[in-house]
Amino acid sequence: DSICRILSHPSDCTMQVDEDNSFPSKFDRLLHEKQLKDLVELCEERELGATSGQLDVGFYADFMLLYLISSDIDNARFLYRRLPETIQKDTEIQAVWTLERALWNHRLMDAHAALCGFRWRNTRLVEWLQETLRERTLTLLSTAYSNTAVLDLAAALGCDPSEALVRAQARDLVKEVNGNYVVWKPAKKPTRQGEKAGLDTLKRIAAQTLFIEN
């Protein structure tokens, strides 16, 4: 019956193909697979191909969050600045902008507060961003310092001390817990093939150490 229906109404088949290849379908599939690069490119293409007034607040909020997950704060700022004024004033866009400014100014606790202090429409993206921030922070702390106070670790990760310890230990970064301090395992030295990547990482750590201390 379905074959006969499609043969009788070929436009129905075209509509089905269009629905499968639509932006929301592609976005949802890539988000489920956590294909960050492809998601960003999809949004960039969508913005370039859209007519004036075609894109809504939800699209722009997701797009800005994807840039933040990518650590591309510059492009997140540029995106905000080219938004129509009416969209800039939306509460969710303002919430993302508050988050972006906290990250731009290296205020981790403010960033976590912004993430937890708003009722987000796309919780999957927000949870992904929060996990990404925590992973990067753990890597930075364990590489830049020999030890970190448990309370400072919890504040940097935006969670309670017990959860902070569990997260650090799950990454196999902790040598021991000595009183109120986490003692980190020595950072692994890069192999000869990974030497350039290792040097780049050290440069980023040197540039971002103030991120944690502030």
C-alpha atoms as a PDB file:
ATOM      1  CA  ASP A   1       0.000   0.000   0.000  1.00  0.00           C
ATOM      2  CA  SER A   2       2.781   2.407   0.913  1.00  0.00           C
ATOM      3  CA  ILE A   3       4.548   1.729  -2.406  1.00  0.00           C
ATOM      4  CA  CYS A   4       1.343   2.351  -4.311  1.00  0.00           C
ATOM      5  CA  ARG A   5       0.786   5.555  -2.344  1.00  0.00           C
ATOM      6  CA  ILE A   6       4.275   6.827  -3.160  1.00  0.00           C
ATOM      7  CA  LEU A   7       3.899   5.912  -6.832  1.00  0.00           C
ATOM      8  CA  SER A   8       0.551   7.663  -6.922  1.00  0.00           C
ATOM      9  CA  HIS A   9       1.864  10.673  -5.011  1.00  0.00           C
ATOM     10  CA  PRO A  10       5.637  11.018  -5.660  1.00  0.00           C
ATOM     11  CA  SER A  11       5.612  14.337  -3.839  1.00  0.00           C
ATOM     12  CA  ASP A  12       5.031  12.392  -0.622  1.00  0.00           C
ATOM     13  CA  CYS A  13       8.338  10.612  -1.131  1.00  0.00           C
ATOM     14  CA  THR A  14      10.116  13.916  -1.767  1.00  0.00           C
ATOM     15  CA  MET A  15       8.594  15.378   1.378  1.00  0.00           C
ATOM     16  CA  GLN A  16       9.820  12.407   3.408  1.00  0.00           C
ATOM     17  CA  VAL A  17      13.365  12.787   2.036  1.00  0.00           C
ATOM     18  CA  ASP A  18      13.287  16.521   2.798  1.00  0.00           C
ATOM     19  CA  GLU A  19      12.156  15.842   6.355  1.00  0.00           C
ATOM     20  CA  ASP A  20      14.951  13.305   6.880  1.00  0.00           C
ATOM     21  CA  ASN A  21      17.527  15.770   5.554  1.00  0.00           C
ATOM     22  CA  SER A  22      16.097  18.816   7.314  1.00  0.00           C
ATOM     23  CA  PHE A  23      18.197  20.933   9.629  1.00  0.00           C
ATOM     24  CA  PRO A  24      16.447  19.769  12.846  1.00  0.00           C
ATOM     25  CA  SER A  25      16.892  16.103  11.893  1.00  0.00           C
ATOM     26  CA  LYS A  26      20.567  16.545  11.045  1.00  0.00           C
ATOM     27  CA  PHE A  27      21.175  18.619  14.170  1.00  0.00           C
ATOM     28  CA  ASP A  28      19.508  16.073  16.448  1.00  0.00           C
ATOM     29  CA  ARG A  29      21.444  13.179  14.908  1.00  0.00           C
ATOM     30  CA  LEU A  30      24.802  14.961  15.172  1.00  0.00           C
ATOM     31  CA  LEU A  31      24.042  16.065  18.725  1.00  0.00           C
ATOM     32  CA  HIS A  32      23.197  12.486  19.692  1.00  0.00           C
ATOM     33  CA  GLU A  33      26.549  11.394  18.220  1.00  0.00           C
ATOM     34  CA  LYS A  34      28.352  14.420  19.736  1.00  0.00           C
ATOM     35  CA  GLN A  35      29.897  15.373  16.402  1.00  0.00           C
ATOM     36  CA  LEU A  36      30.974  18.832  17.496  1.00  0.00           C
ATOM     37  CA  LYS A  37      32.837  19.944  14.365  1.00  0.00           C
ATOM     38  CA  ASP A  38      29.955  18.842  12.122  1.00  0.00           C
ATOM     39  CA  LEU A  39      27.410  20.588  14.353  1.00  0.00           C
ATOM     40  CA  VAL A  40      29.289  23.881  14.177  1.00  0.00           C
ATOM     41  CA  GLU A  41      29.651  23.611  10.394  1.00  0.00           C
ATOM     42  CA  LEU A  42      25.952  22.759  10.052  1.00  0.00           C
ATOM     43  CA  CYS A  43      24.984  25.887  12.004  1.00  0.00           C
ATOM     44  CA  GLU A  44      27.401  28.066  10.059  1.00  0.00           C
ATOM     45  CA  GLU A  45      25.929  26.831   6.773  1.00  0.00           C
ATOM     46  CA  ARG A  46      22.421  27.335   8.105  1.00  0.00           C
ATOM     47  CA  GLU A  47      23.162  30.918   9.105  1.00  0.00           C
ATOM     48  CA  LEU A  48      24.790  31.738   5.771  1.00  0.00           C
ATOM     49  CA  GLY A  49      21.892  30.278   3.794  1.00  0.00           C
ATOM     50  CA  ALA A  50      19.087  31.805   5.853  1.00  0.00           C
ATOM     51  CA  THR A  51      17.014  34.768   4.808  1.00  0.00           C
ATOM     52  CA  SER A  52      16.452  37.736   7.104  1.00  0.00           C
ATOM     53  CA  GLY A  53      14.246  36.843  10.046  1.00  0.00           C
ATOM     54  CA  GLN A  54      14.218  33.115   9.230  1.00  0.00           C
ATOM     55  CA  LEU A  55      16.269  31.957  12.218  1.00  0.00           C
ATOM     56  CA  ASP A  56      14.834  31.962  15.728  1.00  0.00           C
ATOM     57  CA  VAL A  57      16.191  32.397  19.239  1.00  0.00           C
ATOM     58  CA  GLY A  58      16.587  28.658  19.742  1.00  0.00           C
ATOM     59  CA  PHE A  59      18.919  28.357  16.765  1.00  0.00           C
ATOM     60  CA  TYR A  60      21.152  31.212  17.893  1.00  0.00           C
ATOM     61  CA  ALA A  61      21.279  29.999  21.516  1.00  0.00           C
ATOM     62  CA  ASP A  62      22.335  26.529  20.364  1.00  0.00           C
ATOM     63  CA  PHE A  63      24.878  28.001  17.946  1.00  0.00           C
ATOM     64  CA  MET A  64      26.492  30.123  20.665  1.00  0.00           C
ATOM     65  CA  LEU A  65      26.609  27.166  23.054  1.00  0.00           C
ATOM     66  CA  LEU A  66      28.317  25.041  20.398  1.00  0.00           C
ATOM     67  CA  TYR A  67      31.010  27.685  19.976  1.00  0.00           C
ATOM     68  CA  LEU A  68      31.536  27.663  23.755  1.00  0.00           C
ATOM     69  CA  ILE A  69      31.805  23.860  23.797  1.00  0.00           C
ATOM     70  CA  SER A  70      34.436  24.259  21.078  1.00  0.00           C
ATOM     71  CA  SER A  71      36.307  26.816  23.240  1.00  0.00           C
ATOM     72  CA  ASP A  72      35.761  29.257  20.381  1.00  0.00           C
ATOM     73  CA  ILE A  73      34.789  32.224  22.540  1.00  0.00           C
ATOM     74  CA  ASP A  74      35.793  34.739  19.879  1.00  0.00           C
ATOM     75  CA  ASN A  75      33.266  33.399  17.396  1.00  0.00           C
ATOM     76  CA  ALA A  76      30.624  33.215  20.117  1.00  0.00           C
ATOM     77  CA  ARG A  77      31.158  36.930  20.751  1.00  0.00           C
ATOM     78  CA  PHE A  78      31.055  37.783  17.043  1.00  0.00           C
ATOM     79  CA  LEU A  79      27.846  35.784  16.644  1.00  0.00           C
ATOM     80  CA  TYR A  80      26.185  37.649  19.504  1.00  0.00           C
ATOM     81  CA  ARG A  81      27.201  41.015  18.094  1.00  0.00           C
ATOM     82  CA  ARG A  82      25.630  40.330  14.695  1.00  0.00           C
ATOM     83  CA  LEU A  83      22.307  39.138  16.120  1.00  0.00           C
ATOM     84  CA  PRO A  84      19.230  41.281  15.512  1.00  0.00           C
ATOM     85  CA  GLU A  85      18.575  43.515  18.500  1.00  0.00           C
ATOM     86  CA  THR A  86      15.247  41.845  19.254  1.00  0.00           C
ATOM     87  CA  ILE A  87      16.949  38.452  19.518  1.00  0.00           C
ATOM     88  CA  GLN A  88      19.821  39.851  21.609  1.00  0.00           C
ATOM     89  CA  LYS A  89      17.269  40.920  24.218  1.00  0.00           C
ATOM     90  CA  ASP A  90      15.805  37.427  24.615  1.00  0.00           C
ATOM     91  CA  THR A  91      16.303  35.951  28.094  1.00  0.00           C
ATOM     92  CA  GLU A  92      18.022  32.780  26.869  1.00  0.00           C
ATOM     93  CA  ILE A  93      20.385  34.679  24.602  1.00  0.00           C
ATOM     94  CA  GLN A  94      21.213  36.938  27.535  1.00  0.00           C
ATOM     95  CA  ALA A  95      21.859  33.843  29.682  1.00  0.00           C
ATOM     96  CA  VAL A  96      24.323  32.499  27.086  1.00  0.00           C
ATOM     97  CA  TRP A  97      25.923  35.937  26.845  1.00  0.00           C
ATOM     98  CA  THR A  98      26.378  36.036  30.640  1.00  0.00           C
ATOM     99  CA  LEU A  99      27.999  32.608  30.454  1.00  0.00           C
ATOM    100  CA  GLU A 100      30.223  33.677  27.581  1.00  0.00           C
ATOM    101  CA  ARG A 101      31.433  36.764  29.465  1.00  0.00           C
ATOM    102  CA  ALA A 102      32.254  34.662  32.530  1.00  0.00           C
ATOM    103  CA  LEU A 103      34.384  32.340  30.385  1.00  0.00           C
ATOM    104  CA  TRP A 104      35.963  35.277  28.543  1.00  0.00           C
ATOM    105  CA  ASN A 105      37.007  36.781  31.886  1.00  0.00           C
ATOM    106  CA  HIS A 106      38.204  33.432  33.264  1.00  0.00           C
ATOM    107  CA  ARG A 107      35.586  33.307  36.043  1.00  0.00           C
ATOM    108  CA  LEU A 108      34.921  29.597  36.395  1.00  0.00           C
ATOM    109  CA  MET A 109      32.610  29.824  39.397  1.00  0.00           C
ATOM    110  CA  ASP A 110      30.510  32.462  37.641  1.00  0.00           C
ATOM    111  CA  ALA A 111      30.359  30.247  34.553  1.00  0.00           C
ATOM    112  CA  HIS A 112      29.056  27.287  36.564  1.00  0.00           C
ATOM    113  CA  ALA A 113      26.577  29.568  38.328  1.00  0.00           C
ATOM    114  CA  ALA A 114      25.321  30.789  34.941  1.00  0.00           C
ATOM    115  CA  LEU A 115      24.938  27.219  33.719  1.00  0.00           C
ATOM    116  CA  CYS A 116      22.939  26.191  36.787  1.00  0.00           C
ATOM    117  CA  GLY A 117      20.973  29.411  37.226  1.00  0.00           C
ATOM    118  CA  PHE A 118      18.832  29.349  34.095  1.00  0.00           C
ATOM    119  CA  ARG A 119      16.109  27.032  32.847  1.00  0.00           C
ATOM    120  CA  TRP A 120      17.639  26.060  29.510  1.00  0.00           C
ATOM    121  CA  ARG A 121      15.632  24.898  26.531  1.00  0.00           C
ATOM    122  CA  ASN A 122      18.323  22.546  25.163  1.00  0.00           C
ATOM    123  CA  THR A 123      19.588  20.794  28.287  1.00  0.00           C
ATOM    124  CA  ARG A 124      21.690  18.328  26.290  1.00  0.00           C
ATOM    125  CA  LEU A 125      23.925  21.091  24.970  1.00  0.00           C
ATOM    126  CA  VAL A 126      24.230  22.704  28.400  1.00  0.00           C
ATOM    127  CA  GLU A 127      25.156  19.386  30.046  1.00  0.00           C
ATOM    128  CA  TRP A 128      27.717  18.777  27.292  1.00  0.00           C
ATOM    129  CA  LEU A 129      29.239  22.207  27.865  1.00  0.00           C
ATOM    130  CA  GLN A 130      29.396  21.683  31.625  1.00  0.00           C
ATOM    131  CA  GLU A 131      31.079  18.299  31.230  1.00  0.00           C
ATOM    132  CA  THR A 132      33.523  19.766  28.717  1.00  0.00           C
ATOM    133  CA  LEU A 133      34.435  22.590  31.096  1.00  0.00           C
ATOM    134  CA  ARG A 134      35.007  20.104  33.907  1.00  0.00           C
ATOM    135  CA  GLU A 135      37.191  17.871  31.769  1.00  0.00           C
ATOM    136  CA  ARG A 136      39.322  20.781  30.594  1.00  0.00           C
ATOM    137  CA  THR A 137      39.629  22.139  34.122  1.00  0.00           C
ATOM    138  CA  LEU A 138      40.758  18.785  35.489  1.00  0.00           C
ATOM    139  CA  THR A 139      43.374  18.498  32.759  1.00  0.00           C
ATOM    140  CA  LEU A 140      44.610  22.021  33.426  1.00  0.00           C
ATOM    141  CA  LEU A 141      44.777  21.634  37.202  1.00  0.00           C
ATOM    142  CA  SER A 142      46.498  18.249  37.136  1.00  0.00           C
ATOM    143  CA  THR A 143      49.065  19.486  34.620  1.00  0.00           C
ATOM    144  CA  ALA A 144      49.767  22.964  35.983  1.00  0.00           C
ATOM    145  CA  TYR A 145      49.904  22.107  39.699  1.00  0.00           C
ATOM    146  CA  SER A 146      51.353  19.393  41.907  1.00  0.00           C
ATOM    147  CA  ASN A 147      48.412  19.616  44.325  1.00  0.00           C
ATOM    148  CA  THR A 148      45.094  21.413  44.724  1.00  0.00           C
ATOM    149  CA  ALA A 149      42.904  22.038  47.752  1.00  0.00           C
ATOM    150  CA  VAL A 150      39.777  19.893  47.606  1.00  0.00           C
ATOM    151  CA  LEU A 151      37.547  22.927  48.149  1.00  0.00           C
ATOM    152  CA  ASP A 152      39.268  24.796  45.318  1.00  0.00           C
ATOM    153  CA  LEU A 153      38.858  21.758  43.074  1.00  0.00           C
ATOM    154  CA  ALA A 154      35.148  21.600  43.874  1.00  0.00           C
ATOM    155  CA  ALA A 155      34.696  25.301  43.141  1.00  0.00           C
ATOM    156  CA  ALA A 156      36.546  24.987  39.829  1.00  0.00           C
ATOM    157  CA  LEU A 157      34.396  22.034  38.773  1.00  0.00           C
ATOM    158  CA  GLY A 158      31.137  23.526  39.993  1.00  0.00           C
ATOM    159  CA  CYS A 159      30.196  20.613  42.237  1.00  0.00           C
ATOM    160  CA  ASP A 160      30.518  19.459  45.838  1.00  0.00           C
ATOM    161  CA  PRO A 161      33.888  18.196  47.186  1.00  0.00           C
ATOM    162  CA  SER A 162      32.960  14.507  47.189  1.00  0.00           C
ATOM    163  CA  GLU A 163      31.840  14.623  43.559  1.00  0.00           C
ATOM    164  CA  ALA A 164      34.966  16.584  42.613  1.00  0.00           C
ATOM    165  CA  LEU A 165      37.161  13.850  44.081  1.00  0.00           C
ATOM    166  CA  VAL A 166      35.205  11.125  42.303  1.00  0.00           C
ATOM    167  CA  ARG A 167      35.576  12.946  38.993  1.00  0.00           C
ATOM    168  CA  ALA A 168      39.317  13.446  39.421  1.00  0.00           C
ATOM    169  CA  GLN A 169      39.878   9.839  40.489  1.00  0.00           C
ATOM    170  CA  ALA A 170      37.772   8.533  37.604  1.00  0.00           C
ATOM    171  CA  ARG A 171      40.201  10.264  35.233  1.00  0.00           C
ATOM    172  CA  ASP A 172      43.099   8.494  36.979  1.00  0.00           C
ATOM    173  CA  LEU A 173      44.748  11.843  37.694  1.00  0.00           C
ATOM    174  CA  VAL A 174      45.063  11.553  41.473  1.00  0.00           C
ATOM    175  CA  LYS A 175      48.180  10.185  43.141  1.00  0.00           C
ATOM    176  CA  GLU A 176      46.714  10.530  46.634  1.00  0.00           C
ATOM    177  CA  VAL A 177      44.474  12.633  48.833  1.00  0.00           C
ATOM    178  CA  ASN A 178      46.604  14.160  51.561  1.00  0.00           C
ATOM    179  CA  GLY A 179      44.388  15.775  54.164  1.00  0.00           C
ATOM    180  CA  ASN A 180      42.429  18.515  52.388  1.00  0.00           C
ATOM    181  CA  TYR A 181      44.567  18.404  49.261  1.00  0.00           C
ATOM    182  CA  VAL A 182      44.544  16.366  46.088  1.00  0.00           C
ATOM    183  CA  VAL A 183      48.052  15.372  45.016  1.00  0.00           C
ATOM    184  CA  TRP A 184      48.183  14.962  41.260  1.00  0.00           C
ATOM    185  CA  LYS A 185      50.057  12.302  39.374  1.00  0.00           C
ATOM    186  CA  PRO A 186      53.010  13.668  37.399  1.00  0.00           C
ATOM    187  CA  ALA A 187      52.013  14.753  33.916  1.00  0.00           C
ATOM    188  CA  LYS A 188      53.025  12.288  31.251  1.00  0.00           C
ATOM    189  CA  LYS A 189      55.872  13.433  29.043  1.00  0.00           C
ATOM    190  CA  PRO A 190      55.003  13.624  25.333  1.00  0.00           C
ATOM    191  CA  THR A 191      56.480  11.061  22.984  1.00  0.00           C
ATOM    192  CA  ARG A 192      58.766  12.239  20.202  1.00  0.00           C
ATOM    193  CA  GLN A 193      55.836  12.142  17.766  1.00  0.00           C
ATOM    194  CA  GLY A 194      53.678  14.097  20.195  1.00  0.00           C
ATOM    195  CA  GLU A 195      56.336  16.571  21.249  1.00  0.00           C
ATOM    196  CA  LYS A 196      54.878  19.505  19.313  1.00  0.00           C
ATOM    197  CA  ALA A 197      51.405  18.816  20.697  1.00  0.00           C
ATOM    198  CA  GLY A 198      52.905  18.609  24.176  1.00  0.00           C
ATOM    199  CA  LEU A 199      54.660  21.955  23.783  1.00  0.00           C
ATOM    200  CA  ASP A 200      51.446  23.522  22.510  1.00  0.00           C
ATOM    201  CA  THR A 201      49.651  22.181  25.550  1.00  0.00           C
ATOM    202  CA  LEU A 202      52.258  23.664  27.897  1.00  0.00           C
ATOM    203  CA  LYS A 203      51.921  27.036  26.169  1.00  0.00           C
ATOM    204  CA  ARG A 204      48.157  26.921  26.683  1.00  0.00           C
ATOM    205  CA  ILE A 205      48.636  25.961  30.330  1.00  0.00           C
ATOM    206  CA  ALA A 206      51.025  28.858  30.883  1.00  0.00           C
ATOM    207  CA  ALA A 207      48.500  31.205  29.300  1.00  0.00           C
ATOM    208  CA  GLN A 208      45.556  29.783  31.236  1.00  0.00           C
ATOM    209  CA  THR A 209      46.992  29.281  34.715  1.00  0.00           C
ATOM    210  CA  LEU A 210      45.438  32.590  35.741  1.00  0.00           C
ATOM    211  CA  PHE A 211      42.082  31.119  34.655  1.00  0.00           C
ATOM    212  CA  ILE A 212      42.061  28.831  37.694  1.00  0.00           C
ATOM    213  CA  GLU A 213      43.635  31.239  40.148  1.00  0.00           C
ATOM    214  CA  ASN A 214      40.994  33.872  39.438  1.00  0.00           C
END
